C-alpha cells in the first residue's frame, strides 16, 4: 500500500501525508518509521504555507527519495531467477 502510494506522491503534501501515515503505524518497521520521520520533520514547518522556500522543499524531496528506497527494500519482492 505505501509503496504504491509513494509512486503517486508527486506533491510535497502527498509526501508529507504518506510519511505521517507511516510514522503513525505500528506495522511499519523501525527503519521505515525513521525515514518517514525525517520527511515529516523536513516539511512540518512549511506544509501549510502556500509557498515554501525551494531549499526546504529540495531537502524534503531528497529525504522522501530515501524513504522510497527504504520502502522498496522492505516491500518489493526479490526478482525471480528464471531457470
C-alpha atoms as a PDB file:
ATOM      1  CA  UNK A   1       0.000   0.000   0.000  1.00  0.00           C
ATOM      2  CA  UNK A   2       2.686   2.526   0.984  1.00  0.00           C
ATOM      3  CA  UNK A   3       4.927   1.530  -1.891  1.00  0.00           C
ATOM      4  CA  UNK A   4       2.082   2.142  -4.344  1.00  0.00           C
ATOM      5  CA  UNK A   5       1.269   5.465  -2.681  1.00  0.00           C
ATOM      6  CA  UNK A   6       4.910   6.552  -2.872  1.00  0.00           C
ATOM      7  CA  UNK A   7       4.817   6.169  -6.652  1.00  0.00           C
ATOM      8  CA  UNK A   8       1.901   8.601  -6.796  1.00  0.00           C
ATOM      9  CA  UNK A   9       3.193  11.149  -4.293  1.00  0.00           C
ATOM     10  CA  UNK A  10       4.068  13.914  -6.736  1.00  0.00           C
ATOM     11  CA  UNK A  11       3.385  16.827  -4.395  1.00  0.00           C
ATOM     12  CA  UNK A  12       5.002  17.668  -1.090  1.00  0.00           C
ATOM     13  CA  UNK A  13       1.603  17.483   0.584  1.00  0.00           C
ATOM     14  CA  UNK A  14       1.213  13.876  -0.558  1.00  0.00           C
ATOM     15  CA  UNK A  15       4.767  13.081   0.507  1.00  0.00           C
ATOM     16  CA  UNK A  16       4.030  14.556   3.928  1.00  0.00           C
ATOM     17  CA  UNK A  17       0.722  12.691   4.273  1.00  0.00           C
ATOM     18  CA  UNK A  18       2.324   9.372   3.357  1.00  0.00           C
ATOM     19  CA  UNK A  19       5.247   9.901   5.727  1.00  0.00           C
ATOM     20  CA  UNK A  20       2.861  10.890   8.520  1.00  0.00           C
ATOM     21  CA  UNK A  21       0.827   7.728   7.919  1.00  0.00           C
ATOM     22  CA  UNK A  22       3.948   5.567   8.101  1.00  0.00           C
ATOM     23  CA  UNK A  23       5.115   7.304  11.295  1.00  0.00           C
ATOM     24  CA  UNK A  24       1.830   6.505  12.983  1.00  0.00           C
ATOM     25  CA  UNK A  25       1.745   2.845  12.021  1.00  0.00           C
ATOM     26  CA  UNK A  26       2.820   0.079  14.364  1.00  0.00           C
ATOM     27  CA  UNK A  27       3.054  -2.183  11.297  1.00  0.00           C
ATOM     28  CA  UNK A  28       5.946  -0.183   9.843  1.00  0.00           C
ATOM     29  CA  UNK A  29       9.432  -1.454  10.665  1.00  0.00           C
ATOM     30  CA  UNK A  30      11.614   0.911  12.740  1.00  0.00           C
ATOM     31  CA  UNK A  31      13.913   1.777   9.818  1.00  0.00           C
ATOM     32  CA  UNK A  32      10.907   2.780   7.722  1.00  0.00           C
ATOM     33  CA  UNK A  33       9.411   4.903  10.512  1.00  0.00           C
ATOM     34  CA  UNK A  34      12.782   6.606  10.993  1.00  0.00           C
ATOM     35  CA  UNK A  35      12.982   7.531   7.296  1.00  0.00           C
ATOM     36  CA  UNK A  36       9.381   8.766   7.395  1.00  0.00           C
ATOM     37  CA  UNK A  37      10.057  10.924  10.475  1.00  0.00           C
ATOM     38  CA  UNK A  38      12.836  12.686   8.575  1.00  0.00           C
ATOM     39  CA  UNK A  39      10.379  13.624   5.815  1.00  0.00           C
ATOM     40  CA  UNK A  40       7.802  14.816   8.348  1.00  0.00           C
ATOM     41  CA  UNK A  41      10.386  16.940  10.183  1.00  0.00           C
ATOM     42  CA  UNK A  42      11.617  18.444   6.908  1.00  0.00           C
ATOM     43  CA  UNK A  43       8.107  19.533   5.901  1.00  0.00           C
ATOM     44  CA  UNK A  44       6.330  20.155   9.219  1.00  0.00           C
ATOM     45  CA  UNK A  45       7.027  23.890   9.384  1.00  0.00           C
ATOM     46  CA  UNK A  46       6.123  24.636   5.764  1.00  0.00           C
ATOM     47  CA  UNK A  47       3.419  22.164   4.757  1.00  0.00           C
ATOM     48  CA  UNK A  48       0.555  24.577   5.468  1.00  0.00           C
ATOM     49  CA  UNK A  49       2.202  27.553   3.760  1.00  0.00           C
ATOM     50  CA  UNK A  50       1.041  28.489   0.251  1.00  0.00           C
ATOM     51  CA  UNK A  51       4.674  28.921  -0.824  1.00  0.00           C
ATOM     52  CA  UNK A  52       7.776  27.416   0.764  1.00  0.00           C
ATOM     53  CA  UNK A  53      11.479  28.010   0.328  1.00  0.00           C
ATOM     54  CA  UNK A  54      12.869  25.961  -2.556  1.00  0.00           C
ATOM     55  CA  UNK A  55      15.798  24.758  -0.445  1.00  0.00           C
ATOM     56  CA  UNK A  56      13.439  23.348   2.180  1.00  0.00           C
ATOM     57  CA  UNK A  57      11.396  21.550  -0.469  1.00  0.00           C
ATOM     58  CA  UNK A  58      14.517  20.197  -2.173  1.00  0.00           C
ATOM     59  CA  UNK A  59      15.771  18.847   1.152  1.00  0.00           C
ATOM     60  CA  UNK A  60      12.394  17.224   1.804  1.00  0.00           C
ATOM     61  CA  UNK A  61      12.375  15.687  -1.679  1.00  0.00           C
ATOM     62  CA  UNK A  62      15.772  14.102  -1.043  1.00  0.00           C
ATOM     63  CA  UNK A  63      14.558  12.690   2.252  1.00  0.00           C
ATOM     64  CA  UNK A  64      11.437  11.364   0.533  1.00  0.00           C
ATOM     65  CA  UNK A  65      13.588   9.679  -2.132  1.00  0.00           C
ATOM     66  CA  UNK A  66      15.461   7.920   0.676  1.00  0.00           C
ATOM     67  CA  UNK A  67      12.132   6.901   2.212  1.00  0.00           C
ATOM     68  CA  UNK A  68      11.101   5.374  -1.121  1.00  0.00           C
ATOM     69  CA  UNK A  69      14.325   3.348  -1.218  1.00  0.00           C
ATOM     70  CA  UNK A  70      13.594   2.003   2.263  1.00  0.00           C
ATOM     71  CA  UNK A  71      10.038   1.175   1.158  1.00  0.00           C
ATOM     72  CA  UNK A  72      11.354  -0.668  -1.880  1.00  0.00           C
ATOM     73  CA  UNK A  73      13.900  -2.588   0.162  1.00  0.00           C
ATOM     74  CA  UNK A  74      11.225  -3.504   2.689  1.00  0.00           C
ATOM     75  CA  UNK A  75       8.279  -4.408   0.475  1.00  0.00           C
ATOM     76  CA  UNK A  76       9.380  -5.248  -3.058  1.00  0.00           C
ATOM     77  CA  UNK A  77       9.754  -8.906  -3.802  1.00  0.00           C
ATOM     78  CA  UNK A  78      13.088 -10.285  -4.802  1.00  0.00           C
ATOM     79  CA  UNK A  79      13.268 -10.682  -8.574  1.00  0.00           C
ATOM     80  CA  UNK A  80      12.716 -14.275  -9.600  1.00  0.00           C
ATOM     81  CA  UNK A  81      15.525 -16.049 -11.373  1.00  0.00           C
ATOM     82  CA  UNK A  82      14.438 -17.904 -14.492  1.00  0.00           C
ATOM     83  CA  UNK A  83      15.913 -21.373 -14.762  1.00  0.00           C
END
